[in-house]
Structure formats: C-alpha cells, structure tokens
Amino acid sequence: MRPVRLAAPALVLAVFALAACQPTPDPTDSPAPTSEAPTVAPTEPTDSPEPSASATPTPSPTPTETPDAGALPASCEEAYSLQMQDWLFAELGALNPSDADLVPSSKLADLLDVIQGSPNLTCYWTPEGGGTMALNSNAAVISAEHEQFVRDALGQAFPGCDATAEHVRCTREGEQQEGTLETETVVLRGDVMLTTYAMNVDGALVQEAVDDMLAHLPQ
C-alpha cells in the first residue's frame, strides 16, 4: 500500500493561511499611561502678623451724669408741712387745678430752660377756674454744668443779689401797670434750685411758703 504524501503540503498551506489571517499590530497602539495625581508638597502655614504694640484702643466717651430725680419729694403733699398746706388752701383755694391758666415759676426764660431739662416738681396754687391770684413754686435738681449759668442769670436779673455765695437767695417785688403785684424768689442751694413766682399774694405768705418747701428739699 502506497503512503499518502499530500498531507504534509496541505498542512503547511493551512498553517500559512492561518498566519496570514492574523492582524498586524498597529505601532501606534501603545498601552494607555496610568493616570496618577502628581505629588504636591504640603504648604507650610503662614504666620499671621502680630498686632502693633503702639496701637491702643480708643477710650469711650464719659457719659454726662444725670441729676437724680429721687432727691425731690414725690408729690406736692410731701413738699409742704400740713400747716402750710392748710394756709395755702385757705388763701388760694386749690393745688394744681387742671382748669387754671398756669403762670411760670420764674420770669427768667434762662431759668425756665434749665428747669425744663432737669428733674423737677411743680406746685401751683390758685383758685379753681383761675383768677388774679396764683403762687407757683418749682423745685429742680440741676446739673453741675448749669450751676454757673444760673448764677450768672441771677446776678444780671436781681440787682443787689450776691449770686456768688454758697447758698443764693434772690427776691424782687414790683407792681405791673395793670395793678398786679408780682413777687419772685429764686433759691440756689447745692444742686437744688427753687423758683417761686406769685401774683397778688401777700409777700409774707410767699416767703413762708418758700421757707417751708426748702425744709422738705435736699440740704
């Protein structure tokens, strides 16, 4: 039996055909590089600048001292003795009536401005419904910055009054052209100022009322 010799060349041709079918590697196909985050050197913290030793805080302004209203009597009933209240009621009729035309406690506008900005107590005696008689006393606690201002005003308005004394008491009395008798007394004692204006009231009663109210005010 004769051997078959065609098998070897056929096998070679088959291997060659398989080799020819393999794809040729693309020289541009290179493996993708591995993406790794670059190493960053740590940043050293920066020291904050020290505050200047020469910088000093600005001091707050000193508040102005406000007079204490608690130094005054709480009401007019506490500002007079019972005997003086009886006398004033008998002569003038009523205390602080709501329907009366109020006369000022002083004819000096400068003093009224000081009173308006200070703790004060007004006691107004006059008949019910008003009339031609009245007595108005006002006790005020004034600040130290107003004291010299008050003294200057008194020295100009009350001739012969020593407004430089430790305790000042100035009084003037006169009659208006309409026949109205006016009496005005101002007392300055420490930080307390008592102004009293009376219209058609006996001068002795006015001074007694001033003295009685002073006895109930801070010394």
N, C-alpha and C. Protein backbone atom coordinates (compact mmCIF):
# COMPACT_ATOMS: atom_id res chain seq x y z
N MET A 1 0.86 -1.18 0.00
CA MET A 1 0.00 0.00 0.00
C MET A 1 0.88 1.21 0.00
N ARG A 2 0.57 2.11 -0.83
CA ARG A 2 1.46 3.23 -1.03
C ARG A 2 1.06 4.34 -0.09
N PRO A 3 2.02 5.00 0.60
CA PRO A 3 1.75 6.11 1.53
C PRO A 3 1.24 7.32 0.82
N VAL A 4 0.36 8.12 1.58
CA VAL A 4 -0.19 9.36 1.01
C VAL A 4 0.77 10.48 1.33
N ARG A 5 1.28 11.21 0.40
CA ARG A 5 2.29 12.25 0.55
C ARG A 5 1.69 13.66 0.50
N LEU A 6 0.41 13.81 0.22
CA LEU A 6 -0.17 15.15 0.06
C LEU A 6 -0.53 15.76 1.40
N ALA A 7 -0.52 15.05 2.48
CA ALA A 7 -0.99 15.59 3.75
C ALA A 7 -0.07 16.66 4.28
N ALA A 8 1.23 16.52 4.16
CA ALA A 8 2.19 17.48 4.70
C ALA A 8 2.10 18.79 4.00
N PRO A 9 2.13 18.84 2.65
CA PRO A 9 1.99 20.15 1.99
C PRO A 9 0.68 20.78 2.29
N ALA A 10 -0.38 20.04 2.45
CA ALA A 10 -1.70 20.64 2.75
C ALA A 10 -1.70 21.24 4.11
N LEU A 11 -1.00 20.61 5.06
CA LEU A 11 -0.93 21.14 6.42
C LEU A 11 -0.16 22.42 6.46
N VAL A 12 0.90 22.46 5.67
CA VAL A 12 1.72 23.68 5.59
C VAL A 12 0.92 24.80 5.04
N LEU A 13 0.15 24.55 4.00
CA LEU A 13 -0.68 25.61 3.40
C LEU A 13 -1.73 26.08 4.40
N ALA A 14 -2.28 25.21 5.20
CA ALA A 14 -3.30 25.60 6.18
C ALA A 14 -2.71 26.47 7.24
N VAL A 15 -1.52 26.12 7.75
CA VAL A 15 -0.85 26.94 8.77
C VAL A 15 -0.51 28.29 8.24
N PHE A 16 -0.03 28.33 6.98
CA PHE A 16 0.33 29.60 6.35
C PHE A 16 -0.90 30.48 6.19
N ALA A 17 -2.03 29.88 5.87
CA ALA A 17 -3.27 30.65 5.70
C ALA A 17 -3.72 31.22 7.01
N LEU A 18 -3.58 30.46 8.09
CA LEU A 18 -3.97 30.98 9.41
C LEU A 18 -3.06 32.11 9.84
N ALA A 19 -1.79 32.02 9.53
CA ALA A 19 -0.84 33.07 9.89
C ALA A 19 -1.13 34.31 9.13
N ALA A 20 -1.55 34.17 7.87
CA ALA A 20 -1.85 35.35 7.05
C ALA A 20 -3.07 36.05 7.54
N CYS A 21 -3.98 35.35 8.22
CA CYS A 21 -5.22 35.99 8.71
C CYS A 21 -5.03 36.75 10.01
N GLN A 22 -3.92 36.58 10.71
CA GLN A 22 -3.70 37.30 11.98
C GLN A 22 -3.46 38.78 11.69
N PRO A 23 -4.11 39.70 12.45
CA PRO A 23 -3.91 41.16 12.20
C PRO A 23 -2.54 41.60 12.60
N THR A 24 -2.05 42.56 11.80
CA THR A 24 -0.71 43.12 12.06
C THR A 24 -0.83 44.16 13.17
N PRO A 25 -0.03 44.07 14.23
CA PRO A 25 -0.13 45.06 15.34
C PRO A 25 0.18 46.46 14.84
N ASP A 26 -0.69 47.45 15.27
CA ASP A 26 -0.51 48.86 14.91
C ASP A 26 0.55 49.45 15.80
N PRO A 27 1.59 50.00 15.16
CA PRO A 27 2.67 50.55 16.01
C PRO A 27 2.18 51.69 16.89
N THR A 28 1.01 52.36 16.55
CA THR A 28 0.54 53.49 17.37
C THR A 28 -0.27 53.04 18.57
N ASP A 29 -0.66 51.75 18.55
CA ASP A 29 -1.45 51.25 19.68
C ASP A 29 -0.52 50.91 20.82
N SER A 30 -0.27 51.86 21.64
CA SER A 30 0.57 51.63 22.81
C SER A 30 -0.31 51.65 24.05
N PRO A 31 0.04 50.93 25.05
CA PRO A 31 -0.79 50.89 26.26
C PRO A 31 -1.00 52.28 26.86
N ALA A 32 -2.25 52.57 27.32
CA ALA A 32 -2.56 53.90 27.87
C ALA A 32 -1.79 54.11 29.16
N PRO A 33 -1.25 55.29 29.28
CA PRO A 33 -0.46 55.54 30.51
C PRO A 33 -1.38 55.57 31.72
N THR A 34 -0.86 55.15 32.80
CA THR A 34 -1.62 55.16 34.06
C THR A 34 -1.67 56.58 34.60
N SER A 35 -2.90 57.09 34.84
CA SER A 35 -3.03 58.48 35.33
C SER A 35 -2.90 58.48 36.83
N GLU A 36 -1.85 59.07 37.30
CA GLU A 36 -1.61 59.20 38.74
C GLU A 36 -1.52 60.68 39.08
N ALA A 37 -2.17 61.11 40.20
CA ALA A 37 -2.13 62.52 40.60
C ALA A 37 -0.72 62.88 41.02
N PRO A 38 -0.24 64.02 40.53
CA PRO A 38 1.12 64.43 40.91
C PRO A 38 1.20 64.70 42.40
N THR A 39 2.31 64.39 42.92
CA THR A 39 2.54 64.62 44.35
C THR A 39 2.83 66.09 44.59
N VAL A 40 2.01 66.73 45.46
CA VAL A 40 2.19 68.16 45.75
C VAL A 40 2.78 68.29 47.12
N ALA A 41 3.80 69.09 47.21
CA ALA A 41 4.45 69.28 48.50
C ALA A 41 3.54 70.07 49.42
N PRO A 42 3.39 69.70 50.67
CA PRO A 42 2.50 70.44 51.60
C PRO A 42 2.97 71.87 51.79
N THR A 43 1.99 72.77 51.85
CA THR A 43 2.31 74.20 52.03
C THR A 43 2.39 74.51 53.51
N GLU A 44 3.44 75.15 53.93
CA GLU A 44 3.61 75.48 55.33
C GLU A 44 2.69 76.65 55.68
N PRO A 45 1.98 76.62 56.83
CA PRO A 45 1.08 77.73 57.20
C PRO A 45 1.84 79.02 57.39
N THR A 46 1.20 80.10 56.96
CA THR A 46 1.82 81.42 57.09
C THR A 46 1.41 82.03 58.41
N ASP A 47 2.35 82.50 59.16
CA ASP A 47 2.05 83.10 60.46
C ASP A 47 1.34 84.43 60.27
N SER A 48 0.24 84.69 61.06
CA SER A 48 -0.46 85.98 61.00
C SER A 48 0.41 87.05 61.61
N PRO A 49 0.37 88.25 61.04
CA PRO A 49 1.21 89.31 61.59
C PRO A 49 0.78 89.69 62.99
N GLU A 50 1.72 89.92 63.87
CA GLU A 50 1.43 90.33 65.23
C GLU A 50 0.90 91.75 65.22
N PRO A 51 -0.12 92.09 66.09
CA PRO A 51 -0.61 93.46 66.13
C PRO A 51 0.45 94.42 66.64
N SER A 52 0.37 95.61 66.14
CA SER A 52 1.38 96.60 66.51
C SER A 52 1.24 96.93 67.98
N ALA A 53 2.36 96.99 68.66
CA ALA A 53 2.35 97.29 70.09
C ALA A 53 1.94 98.72 70.36
N SER A 54 2.09 99.60 69.36
CA SER A 54 1.78 101.01 69.56
C SER A 54 0.29 101.30 69.43
N ALA A 55 -0.49 100.31 68.90
CA ALA A 55 -1.92 100.56 68.71
C ALA A 55 -2.65 100.42 70.03
N THR A 56 -3.32 101.48 70.49
CA THR A 56 -4.05 101.48 71.74
C THR A 56 -5.52 101.72 71.47
N PRO A 57 -6.41 101.05 72.21
CA PRO A 57 -7.85 101.23 71.98
C PRO A 57 -8.29 102.64 72.31
N THR A 58 -9.27 103.14 71.57
CA THR A 58 -9.80 104.48 71.81
C THR A 58 -10.77 104.43 72.96
N PRO A 59 -10.54 105.22 74.00
CA PRO A 59 -11.45 105.16 75.16
C PRO A 59 -12.83 105.67 74.80
N SER A 60 -13.86 105.08 75.42
CA SER A 60 -15.23 105.52 75.19
C SER A 60 -15.46 106.84 75.91
N PRO A 61 -16.31 107.71 75.33
CA PRO A 61 -16.57 108.99 75.99
C PRO A 61 -17.29 108.78 77.31
N THR A 62 -16.96 109.63 78.29
CA THR A 62 -17.57 109.53 79.60
C THR A 62 -18.98 110.10 79.54
N PRO A 63 -19.97 109.30 79.92
CA PRO A 63 -21.35 109.81 79.85
C PRO A 63 -21.57 110.95 80.81
N THR A 64 -22.43 111.88 80.42
CA THR A 64 -22.76 113.01 81.27
C THR A 64 -23.64 112.52 82.41
N GLU A 65 -23.30 112.93 83.61
CA GLU A 65 -24.05 112.50 84.78
C GLU A 65 -25.43 113.16 84.79
N THR A 66 -26.45 112.38 84.98
CA THR A 66 -27.82 112.88 85.01
C THR A 66 -28.24 113.11 86.45
N PRO A 67 -28.83 114.27 86.76
CA PRO A 67 -29.29 114.51 88.13
C PRO A 67 -30.30 113.47 88.57
N ASP A 68 -30.30 113.19 89.87
CA ASP A 68 -31.18 112.17 90.41
C ASP A 68 -32.51 112.79 90.81
N ALA A 69 -33.58 112.39 90.12
CA ALA A 69 -34.90 112.91 90.44
C ALA A 69 -35.40 112.38 91.78
N GLY A 70 -34.82 111.29 92.28
CA GLY A 70 -35.25 110.73 93.54
C GLY A 70 -34.95 111.61 94.73
N ALA A 71 -34.12 112.65 94.54
CA ALA A 71 -33.80 113.55 95.64
C ALA A 71 -34.96 114.48 95.96
N LEU A 72 -35.91 114.63 95.05
CA LEU A 72 -37.05 115.52 95.25
C LEU A 72 -38.20 114.79 95.93
N PRO A 73 -39.08 115.53 96.59
CA PRO A 73 -40.31 114.90 97.11
C PRO A 73 -41.12 114.30 95.97
N ALA A 74 -41.84 113.25 96.28
CA ALA A 74 -42.61 112.56 95.24
C ALA A 74 -43.84 113.33 94.82
N SER A 75 -44.34 114.22 95.67
CA SER A 75 -45.54 114.98 95.35
C SER A 75 -45.52 116.29 96.12
N CYS A 76 -46.44 117.19 95.75
CA CYS A 76 -46.53 118.47 96.45
C CYS A 76 -47.00 118.28 97.88
N GLU A 77 -47.80 117.25 98.14
CA GLU A 77 -48.24 116.99 99.50
C GLU A 77 -47.06 116.66 100.42
N GLU A 78 -45.99 116.10 99.84
CA GLU A 78 -44.79 115.78 100.61
C GLU A 78 -43.80 116.94 100.63
N ALA A 79 -44.08 117.99 99.87
CA ALA A 79 -43.16 119.12 99.77
C ALA A 79 -43.49 120.24 100.75
N TYR A 80 -44.60 120.14 101.48
CA TYR A 80 -45.00 121.16 102.44
C TYR A 80 -45.46 120.48 103.73
N SER A 81 -45.36 121.23 104.81
CA SER A 81 -45.95 120.76 106.06
C SER A 81 -47.47 120.86 105.97
N LEU A 82 -48.17 120.16 106.86
CA LEU A 82 -49.63 120.21 106.86
C LEU A 82 -50.14 121.61 107.19
N GLN A 83 -49.43 122.31 108.09
CA GLN A 83 -49.85 123.67 108.44
C GLN A 83 -49.74 124.61 107.24
N MET A 84 -48.68 124.48 106.47
CA MET A 84 -48.52 125.34 105.30
C MET A 84 -49.54 124.99 104.22
N GLN A 85 -49.83 123.73 104.05
CA GLN A 85 -50.85 123.34 103.08
C GLN A 85 -52.21 123.94 103.46
N ASP A 86 -52.54 123.91 104.74
CA ASP A 86 -53.81 124.48 105.17
C ASP A 86 -53.84 125.99 104.89
N TRP A 87 -52.73 126.65 105.13
CA TRP A 87 -52.67 128.10 104.90
C TRP A 87 -52.83 128.41 103.42
N LEU A 88 -52.12 127.67 102.56
CA LEU A 88 -52.20 127.92 101.11
C LEU A 88 -53.58 127.58 100.56
N PHE A 89 -54.18 126.51 101.07
CA PHE A 89 -55.54 126.18 100.63
C PHE A 89 -56.52 127.28 101.05
N ALA A 90 -56.33 127.82 102.24
CA ALA A 90 -57.24 128.84 102.73
C ALA A 90 -57.12 130.13 101.92
N GLU A 91 -55.92 130.47 101.49
CA GLU A 91 -55.70 131.73 100.78
C GLU A 91 -55.92 131.59 99.27
N LEU A 92 -55.58 130.43 98.70
CA LEU A 92 -55.58 130.29 97.24
C LEU A 92 -56.56 129.24 96.72
N GLY A 93 -57.05 128.39 97.55
CA GLY A 93 -58.16 127.54 97.15
C GLY A 93 -57.83 126.16 96.62
N ALA A 94 -56.86 126.02 95.74
CA ALA A 94 -56.65 124.71 95.10
C ALA A 94 -55.17 124.51 94.77
N LEU A 95 -54.79 123.22 94.67
CA LEU A 95 -53.42 122.83 94.30
C LEU A 95 -53.43 122.14 92.95
N ASN A 96 -52.69 122.68 92.02
CA ASN A 96 -52.57 122.14 90.66
C ASN A 96 -53.92 121.86 89.99
N PRO A 97 -54.83 122.82 89.97
CA PRO A 97 -56.11 122.59 89.29
C PRO A 97 -55.90 122.48 87.79
N SER A 98 -56.62 121.56 87.17
CA SER A 98 -56.41 121.29 85.75
C SER A 98 -56.95 122.40 84.86
N ASP A 99 -57.90 123.19 85.36
CA ASP A 99 -58.51 124.21 84.51
C ASP A 99 -57.92 125.60 84.69
N ALA A 100 -56.80 125.70 85.43
CA ALA A 100 -56.22 127.00 85.70
C ALA A 100 -55.22 127.38 84.60
N ASP A 101 -55.12 128.68 84.37
CA ASP A 101 -54.08 129.18 83.45
C ASP A 101 -52.76 129.24 84.22
N LEU A 102 -51.82 128.44 83.77
CA LEU A 102 -50.56 128.31 84.51
C LEU A 102 -49.67 129.52 84.29
N VAL A 103 -49.21 130.11 85.39
CA VAL A 103 -48.19 131.15 85.31
C VAL A 103 -46.85 130.49 85.58
N PRO A 104 -45.76 131.01 85.02
CA PRO A 104 -44.46 130.35 85.20
C PRO A 104 -43.94 130.52 86.62
N SER A 105 -43.01 129.67 86.99
CA SER A 105 -42.40 129.78 88.32
C SER A 105 -41.28 130.81 88.35
N SER A 106 -40.95 131.38 87.20
CA SER A 106 -39.94 132.43 87.12
C SER A 106 -40.20 133.25 85.86
N LYS A 107 -39.83 134.53 85.92
CA LYS A 107 -39.94 135.38 84.74
C LYS A 107 -38.67 135.35 83.89
N LEU A 108 -37.67 134.58 84.32
CA LEU A 108 -36.40 134.46 83.59
C LEU A 108 -36.47 133.25 82.65
N ALA A 109 -36.42 133.51 81.35
CA ALA A 109 -36.51 132.42 80.37
C ALA A 109 -35.32 131.46 80.50
N ASP A 110 -34.14 131.98 80.87
CA ASP A 110 -32.96 131.11 81.01
C ASP A 110 -33.18 130.07 82.11
N LEU A 111 -33.79 130.47 83.21
CA LEU A 111 -34.05 129.52 84.29
C LEU A 111 -35.10 128.50 83.89
N LEU A 112 -36.10 128.95 83.15
CA LEU A 112 -37.13 128.01 82.69
C LEU A 112 -36.55 126.96 81.75
N ASP A 113 -35.57 127.35 80.94
CA ASP A 113 -34.90 126.37 80.05
C ASP A 113 -34.16 125.32 80.87
N VAL A 114 -33.48 125.75 81.94
CA VAL A 114 -32.76 124.80 82.80
C VAL A 114 -33.75 123.86 83.49
N ILE A 115 -34.86 124.42 83.98
CA ILE A 115 -35.86 123.60 84.66
C ILE A 115 -36.44 122.55 83.72
N GLN A 116 -36.71 122.95 82.48
CA GLN A 116 -37.32 122.04 81.52
C GLN A 116 -36.45 120.82 81.26
N GLY A 117 -35.13 120.97 81.29
CA GLY A 117 -34.24 119.85 81.03
C GLY A 117 -33.77 119.14 82.29
N SER A 118 -34.39 119.42 83.44
CA SER A 118 -33.96 118.84 84.70
C SER A 118 -35.13 118.14 85.40
N PRO A 119 -34.83 117.17 86.27
CA PRO A 119 -35.90 116.61 87.10
C PRO A 119 -36.49 117.71 87.97
N ASN A 120 -37.80 117.84 88.02
CA ASN A 120 -38.39 118.94 88.77
C ASN A 120 -39.78 118.58 89.27
N LEU A 121 -40.25 119.38 90.22
CA LEU A 121 -41.57 119.22 90.81
C LEU A 121 -42.24 120.58 90.85
N THR A 122 -43.42 120.71 90.26
CA THR A 122 -44.16 121.97 90.22
C THR A 122 -45.37 121.89 91.14
N CYS A 123 -45.51 122.92 92.00
CA CYS A 123 -46.66 123.03 92.88
C CYS A 123 -47.32 124.38 92.62
N TYR A 124 -48.51 124.32 92.05
CA TYR A 124 -49.20 125.52 91.57
C TYR A 124 -50.47 125.74 92.38
N TRP A 125 -50.50 126.84 93.11
CA TRP A 125 -51.63 127.17 93.97
C TRP A 125 -52.40 128.34 93.35
N THR A 126 -53.70 128.14 93.16
CA THR A 126 -54.55 129.18 92.60
C THR A 126 -56.01 128.78 92.79
N PRO A 127 -56.95 129.71 92.80
CA PRO A 127 -58.35 129.34 92.95
C PRO A 127 -58.83 128.47 91.78
N GLU A 128 -59.83 127.67 92.04
CA GLU A 128 -60.44 126.85 90.98
C GLU A 128 -60.92 127.77 89.86
N GLY A 129 -60.64 127.37 88.64
CA GLY A 129 -61.04 128.18 87.49
C GLY A 129 -60.09 129.33 87.20
N GLY A 130 -59.00 129.44 87.95
CA GLY A 130 -58.04 130.52 87.72
C GLY A 130 -58.44 131.76 88.49
N GLY A 131 -58.01 132.89 88.02
CA GLY A 131 -58.29 134.14 88.72
C GLY A 131 -57.07 135.04 88.70
N THR A 132 -57.08 136.03 89.56
CA THR A 132 -55.99 137.01 89.58
C THR A 132 -54.96 136.70 90.64
N MET A 133 -55.10 135.56 91.35
CA MET A 133 -54.13 135.17 92.38
C MET A 133 -53.50 133.83 92.01
N ALA A 134 -52.22 133.72 92.25
CA ALA A 134 -51.53 132.46 91.97
C ALA A 134 -50.17 132.46 92.66
N LEU A 135 -49.73 131.26 92.99
CA LEU A 135 -48.38 131.07 93.53
C LEU A 135 -47.84 129.78 92.92
N ASN A 136 -46.75 129.87 92.19
CA ASN A 136 -46.16 128.71 91.51
C ASN A 136 -44.74 128.52 92.01
N SER A 137 -44.48 127.36 92.61
CA SER A 137 -43.13 127.01 93.07
C SER A 137 -42.65 125.78 92.32
N ASN A 138 -41.41 125.82 91.89
CA ASN A 138 -40.82 124.67 91.18
C ASN A 138 -39.47 124.36 91.79
N ALA A 139 -39.31 123.10 92.21
CA ALA A 139 -38.03 122.62 92.72
C ALA A 139 -37.38 121.75 91.65
N ALA A 140 -36.14 122.07 91.30
CA ALA A 140 -35.44 121.34 90.24
C ALA A 140 -34.06 120.93 90.73
N VAL A 141 -33.64 119.75 90.30
CA VAL A 141 -32.27 119.28 90.56
C VAL A 141 -31.47 119.55 89.30
N ILE A 142 -30.54 120.50 89.37
CA ILE A 142 -29.79 120.91 88.18
C ILE A 142 -28.42 120.25 88.18
N SER A 143 -27.85 120.12 87.00
CA SER A 143 -26.52 119.52 86.85
C SER A 143 -25.44 120.54 87.18
N ALA A 144 -24.25 120.05 87.47
CA ALA A 144 -23.14 120.94 87.82
C ALA A 144 -22.78 121.88 86.68
N GLU A 145 -22.98 121.43 85.44
CA GLU A 145 -22.63 122.28 84.30
C GLU A 145 -23.57 123.46 84.13
N HIS A 146 -24.74 123.43 84.79
CA HIS A 146 -25.71 124.53 84.71
C HIS A 146 -25.58 125.51 85.89
N GLU A 147 -24.84 125.16 86.91
CA GLU A 147 -24.79 125.99 88.11
C GLU A 147 -24.28 127.40 87.81
N GLN A 148 -23.15 127.51 87.13
CA GLN A 148 -22.61 128.84 86.85
C GLN A 148 -23.53 129.63 85.92
N PHE A 149 -24.17 128.94 85.00
CA PHE A 149 -25.13 129.60 84.11
C PHE A 149 -26.27 130.22 84.92
N VAL A 150 -26.77 129.50 85.92
CA VAL A 150 -27.84 130.02 86.77
C VAL A 150 -27.34 131.20 87.59
N ARG A 151 -26.16 131.10 88.14
CA ARG A 151 -25.61 132.20 88.93
C ARG A 151 -25.46 133.48 88.09
N ASP A 152 -24.98 133.33 86.88
CA ASP A 152 -24.83 134.50 86.01
C ASP A 152 -26.18 135.14 85.71
N ALA A 153 -27.19 134.31 85.45
CA ALA A 153 -28.52 134.83 85.15
C ALA A 153 -29.11 135.56 86.35
N LEU A 154 -28.90 135.04 87.54
CA LEU A 154 -29.42 135.69 88.74
C LEU A 154 -28.70 137.01 89.01
N GLY A 155 -27.40 137.03 88.81
CA GLY A 155 -26.64 138.26 89.04
C GLY A 155 -27.07 139.39 88.12
N GLN A 156 -27.51 139.07 86.93
CA GLN A 156 -27.95 140.10 85.98
C GLN A 156 -29.40 140.53 86.23
N ALA A 157 -30.25 139.62 86.67
CA ALA A 157 -31.68 139.91 86.77
C ALA A 157 -32.10 140.45 88.14
N PHE A 158 -31.31 140.16 89.17
CA PHE A 158 -31.66 140.60 90.53
C PHE A 158 -30.59 141.57 91.04
N PRO A 159 -30.77 142.86 90.85
CA PRO A 159 -29.78 143.84 91.32
C PRO A 159 -29.59 143.75 92.84
N GLY A 160 -28.35 143.77 93.25
CA GLY A 160 -28.04 143.72 94.67
C GLY A 160 -27.99 142.32 95.25
N CYS A 161 -28.29 141.29 94.46
CA CYS A 161 -28.26 139.92 94.97
C CYS A 161 -26.86 139.33 94.76
N ASP A 162 -26.30 138.76 95.80
CA ASP A 162 -24.98 138.13 95.71
C ASP A 162 -25.16 136.70 95.18
N ALA A 163 -24.95 136.56 93.89
CA ALA A 163 -25.12 135.24 93.26
C ALA A 163 -23.86 134.40 93.36
N THR A 164 -22.83 134.90 94.06
CA THR A 164 -21.59 134.13 94.20
C THR A 164 -21.53 133.39 95.54
N ALA A 165 -22.49 133.63 96.42
CA ALA A 165 -22.49 132.97 97.73
C ALA A 165 -22.74 131.48 97.57
N GLU A 166 -22.38 130.74 98.62
CA GLU A 166 -22.59 129.29 98.57
C GLU A 166 -24.08 128.97 98.43
N HIS A 167 -24.89 129.62 99.26
CA HIS A 167 -26.33 129.50 99.16
C HIS A 167 -26.87 130.84 98.68
N VAL A 168 -27.56 130.83 97.56
CA VAL A 168 -28.05 132.05 96.94
C VAL A 168 -29.55 132.16 97.15
N ARG A 169 -29.98 133.37 97.53
CA ARG A 169 -31.42 133.64 97.64
C ARG A 169 -31.66 135.06 97.11
N CYS A 170 -32.38 135.13 96.00
CA CYS A 170 -32.65 136.41 95.35
C CYS A 170 -34.16 136.65 95.32
N THR A 171 -34.59 137.87 95.69
CA THR A 171 -36.01 138.20 95.70
C THR A 171 -36.21 139.58 95.09
N ARG A 172 -37.26 139.70 94.32
CA ARG A 172 -37.66 141.00 93.79
C ARG A 172 -39.18 141.09 93.80
N GLU A 173 -39.66 142.31 94.00
CA GLU A 173 -41.10 142.53 94.08
C GLU A 173 -41.45 143.82 93.37
N GLY A 174 -42.53 143.83 92.66
CA GLY A 174 -42.93 145.02 91.93
C GLY A 174 -44.38 144.95 91.51
N GLU A 175 -44.87 146.11 91.06
CA GLU A 175 -46.26 146.19 90.63
C GLU A 175 -46.30 146.52 89.16
N GLN A 176 -47.06 145.73 88.41
CA GLN A 176 -47.22 145.97 86.99
C GLN A 176 -48.18 147.13 86.76
N GLN A 177 -48.19 147.60 85.50
CA GLN A 177 -49.06 148.72 85.16
C GLN A 177 -50.54 148.38 85.36
N GLU A 178 -50.89 147.10 85.21
CA GLU A 178 -52.28 146.68 85.37
C GLU A 178 -52.67 146.58 86.84
N GLY A 179 -51.75 146.87 87.74
CA GLY A 179 -52.05 146.80 89.16
C GLY A 179 -51.76 145.45 89.78
N THR A 180 -51.17 144.52 89.04
CA THR A 180 -50.84 143.19 89.55
C THR A 180 -49.55 143.24 90.34
N LEU A 181 -49.58 142.74 91.56
CA LEU A 181 -48.38 142.70 92.40
C LEU A 181 -47.64 141.39 92.15
N GLU A 182 -46.41 141.48 91.74
CA GLU A 182 -45.59 140.30 91.45
C GLU A 182 -44.49 140.14 92.49
N THR A 183 -44.27 138.91 92.90
CA THR A 183 -43.16 138.58 93.79
C THR A 183 -42.43 137.37 93.22
N GLU A 184 -41.12 137.49 93.10
CA GLU A 184 -40.32 136.37 92.55
C GLU A 184 -39.13 136.11 93.46
N THR A 185 -38.96 134.84 93.81
CA THR A 185 -37.84 134.43 94.66
C THR A 185 -37.18 133.21 94.05
N VAL A 186 -35.84 133.25 93.99
CA VAL A 186 -35.07 132.11 93.48
C VAL A 186 -34.02 131.75 94.53
N VAL A 187 -33.98 130.47 94.88
CA VAL A 187 -33.01 129.97 95.85
C VAL A 187 -32.17 128.91 95.16
N LEU A 188 -30.85 129.02 95.30
CA LEU A 188 -29.91 128.02 94.77
C LEU A 188 -29.13 127.46 95.94
N ARG A 189 -29.31 126.18 96.20
CA ARG A 189 -28.65 125.52 97.33
C ARG A 189 -28.10 124.19 96.86
N GLY A 190 -26.79 124.14 96.67
CA GLY A 190 -26.20 122.92 96.12
C GLY A 190 -26.69 122.70 94.70
N ASP A 191 -27.21 121.50 94.42
CA ASP A 191 -27.73 121.22 93.08
C ASP A 191 -29.24 121.38 93.01
N VAL A 192 -29.84 121.99 94.04
CA VAL A 192 -31.28 122.21 94.06
C VAL A 192 -31.58 123.69 93.83
N MET A 193 -32.47 123.96 92.89
CA MET A 193 -32.91 125.33 92.62
C MET A 193 -34.41 125.40 92.83
N LEU A 194 -34.84 126.34 93.67
CA LEU A 194 -36.26 126.55 93.93
C LEU A 194 -36.66 127.92 93.38
N THR A 195 -37.54 127.92 92.41
CA THR A 195 -38.05 129.17 91.83
C THR A 195 -39.51 129.33 92.22
N THR A 196 -39.88 130.54 92.67
CA THR A 196 -41.25 130.81 93.11
C THR A 196 -41.71 132.14 92.53
N TYR A 197 -42.84 132.12 91.88
CA TYR A 197 -43.45 133.34 91.34
C TYR A 197 -44.87 133.44 91.89
N ALA A 198 -45.20 134.62 92.42
CA ALA A 198 -46.53 134.83 92.99
C ALA A 198 -47.16 136.06 92.36
N MET A 199 -48.47 135.99 92.22
CA MET A 199 -49.24 137.09 91.63
C MET A 199 -50.37 137.46 92.57
N ASN A 200 -50.29 138.71 93.09
CA ASN A 200 -51.30 139.22 94.02
C ASN A 200 -51.44 138.39 95.29
N VAL A 201 -50.31 137.88 95.79
CA VAL A 201 -50.26 137.12 97.03
C VAL A 201 -49.42 137.92 98.02
N ASP A 202 -49.86 137.95 99.27
CA ASP A 202 -49.13 138.68 100.30
C ASP A 202 -47.67 138.21 100.35
N GLY A 203 -46.75 139.18 100.39
CA GLY A 203 -45.33 138.84 100.38
C GLY A 203 -44.90 137.97 101.53
N ALA A 204 -45.51 138.15 102.72
CA ALA A 204 -45.15 137.33 103.87
C ALA A 204 -45.53 135.87 103.64
N LEU A 205 -46.68 135.64 103.02
CA LEU A 205 -47.09 134.27 102.71
C LEU A 205 -46.15 133.63 101.69
N VAL A 206 -45.73 134.42 100.70
CA VAL A 206 -44.81 133.88 99.69
C VAL A 206 -43.52 133.40 100.33
N GLN A 207 -42.93 134.21 101.20
CA GLN A 207 -41.66 133.84 101.82
C GLN A 207 -41.83 132.67 102.79
N GLU A 208 -42.97 132.62 103.50
CA GLU A 208 -43.23 131.47 104.37
C GLU A 208 -43.37 130.18 103.56
N ALA A 209 -44.02 130.28 102.40
CA ALA A 209 -44.18 129.09 101.55
C ALA A 209 -42.83 128.63 101.00
N VAL A 210 -41.96 129.59 100.65
CA VAL A 210 -40.62 129.24 100.16
C VAL A 210 -39.82 128.54 101.25
N ASP A 211 -39.83 129.11 102.46
CA ASP A 211 -39.07 128.52 103.56
C ASP A 211 -39.58 127.12 103.92
N ASP A 212 -40.90 126.95 103.89
CA ASP A 212 -41.47 125.65 104.24
C ASP A 212 -41.08 124.60 103.20
N MET A 213 -41.11 124.96 101.92
CA MET A 213 -40.75 124.00 100.89
C MET A 213 -39.26 123.68 100.94
N LEU A 214 -38.44 124.67 101.24
CA LEU A 214 -36.99 124.41 101.37
C LEU A 214 -36.70 123.39 102.45
N ALA A 215 -37.49 123.41 103.53
CA ALA A 215 -37.28 122.48 104.64
C ALA A 215 -37.55 121.03 104.22
N HIS A 216 -38.27 120.84 103.13
CA HIS A 216 -38.59 119.48 102.65
C HIS A 216 -37.77 119.08 101.43
N LEU A 217 -36.82 119.89 101.04
CA LEU A 217 -35.95 119.59 99.91
C LEU A 217 -34.58 119.14 100.38
N PRO A 218 -33.81 118.45 99.57
CA PRO A 218 -32.46 118.00 99.98
C PRO A 218 -31.61 119.18 100.41
N GLN A 219 -30.84 118.95 101.48
CA GLN A 219 -29.98 120.02 102.02
C GLN A 219 -28.69 120.15 101.21
